[in-house]
Amino acid sequence: MLEPILEGVSEYRELRDLSDLDRVIGTATEITDVPTWFPTATVARAIRSRHRDPLPNDRRRSGDTSETLRLATQLLDIDSRDT
């Protein structure tokens, strides 16, 4: 159930060619903020119980993990800022 929740609060952005800003070279998803009504602490607890070792904002692991785990670490970072 975490996957659709994380995807639902993520933002999509276009990656553009810096030499030709009209050219889209890809897309990316990220969680930089969540709505005030979003149960951040509850979802963060669910992430920690499902994935024992994700650390908030663990940039070293960002490139070699699943999309869900990458978004989960971003949400954990937001949760750690709010506490």
Protein backbone atom coordinates (compact mmCIF):
# COMPACT_ATOMS: atom_id res chain seq x y z
CA MET A 1 0.00 0.00 0.00
CA LEU A 2 2.99 2.33 0.43
CA GLU A 3 3.74 2.53 -3.27
CA PRO A 4 0.51 4.28 -4.31
CA ILE A 5 0.66 6.58 -1.29
CA LEU A 6 4.21 7.67 -2.05
CA GLU A 7 3.47 8.07 -5.75
CA GLY A 8 0.34 10.07 -4.88
CA VAL A 9 2.22 12.71 -2.91
CA SER A 10 5.20 12.85 -5.25
CA GLU A 11 5.66 15.58 -7.80
CA TYR A 12 6.59 14.94 -11.40
CA ARG A 13 9.03 17.24 -13.09
CA GLU A 14 10.47 17.37 -16.54
CA LEU A 15 14.22 17.12 -17.04
CA ARG A 16 15.31 19.47 -19.79
CA ASP A 17 18.38 19.75 -21.95
CA LEU A 18 20.28 22.79 -20.64
CA SER A 19 21.48 23.65 -24.12
CA ASP A 20 17.93 23.44 -25.53
CA LEU A 21 15.28 24.09 -22.88
CA ASP A 22 12.49 23.14 -25.28
CA ARG A 23 13.82 19.58 -25.34
CA VAL A 24 12.57 17.26 -22.59
CA ILE A 25 15.10 14.51 -21.90
CA GLY A 26 13.21 12.70 -19.17
CA THR A 27 11.02 12.92 -16.11
CA ALA A 28 11.63 12.45 -12.41
CA THR A 29 9.49 12.12 -9.32
CA GLU A 30 10.32 13.49 -5.90
CA ILE A 31 8.72 14.36 -2.62
CA THR A 32 9.83 17.78 -1.43
CA ASP A 33 6.82 18.65 0.70
CA VAL A 34 3.49 17.15 1.73
CA PRO A 35 0.10 18.75 2.41
CA THR A 36 -0.64 19.70 6.01
CA TRP A 37 -3.43 17.10 6.16
CA PHE A 38 -1.09 14.26 5.10
CA PRO A 39 -0.36 11.76 7.93
CA THR A 40 3.42 12.03 7.54
CA ALA A 41 4.34 10.46 10.88
CA THR A 42 2.01 7.50 10.31
CA VAL A 43 3.37 6.81 6.83
CA ALA A 44 6.94 7.23 8.11
CA ARG A 45 6.27 4.57 10.78
CA ALA A 46 4.90 2.25 8.09
CA ILE A 47 8.03 2.81 5.99
CA ARG A 48 10.30 2.06 8.94
CA SER A 49 8.41 -1.13 9.77
CA ARG A 50 8.56 -2.35 6.16
CA HIS A 51 12.08 -1.21 5.28
CA ARG A 52 14.31 -1.61 8.31
CA ASP A 53 17.31 0.37 7.09
CA PRO A 54 16.25 3.40 4.99
CA LEU A 55 17.76 6.52 6.43
CA PRO A 56 16.28 10.00 5.95
CA ASN A 57 17.80 11.69 2.93
CA ASP A 58 20.34 8.92 2.32
CA ARG A 59 21.85 10.25 -0.90
CA ARG A 60 24.38 7.42 -1.20
CA ARG A 61 21.60 4.90 -1.71
CA SER A 62 19.43 7.04 -4.00
CA GLY A 63 20.95 5.77 -7.22
CA ASP A 64 20.79 2.06 -6.48
CA THR A 65 17.39 1.54 -4.90
CA SER A 66 13.88 1.13 -6.14
CA GLU A 67 11.76 4.16 -6.93
CA THR A 68 9.55 3.37 -3.94
CA LEU A 69 12.48 3.27 -1.53
CA ARG A 70 13.91 6.47 -3.00
CA LEU A 71 10.58 8.26 -2.42
CA ALA A 72 10.35 6.67 1.04
CA THR A 73 13.70 8.14 2.07
CA GLN A 74 12.51 11.55 0.88
CA LEU A 75 9.37 11.25 3.02
CA LEU A 76 11.47 10.16 6.01
CA ASP A 77 13.56 13.28 5.51
CA ILE A 78 10.41 15.42 5.64
CA ASP A 79 9.26 13.56 8.77
CA SER A 80 12.60 14.15 10.48
CA ARG A 81 12.37 17.89 9.74
CA ASP A 82 8.85 18.05 11.23
CA THR A 83 9.82 16.41 14.53
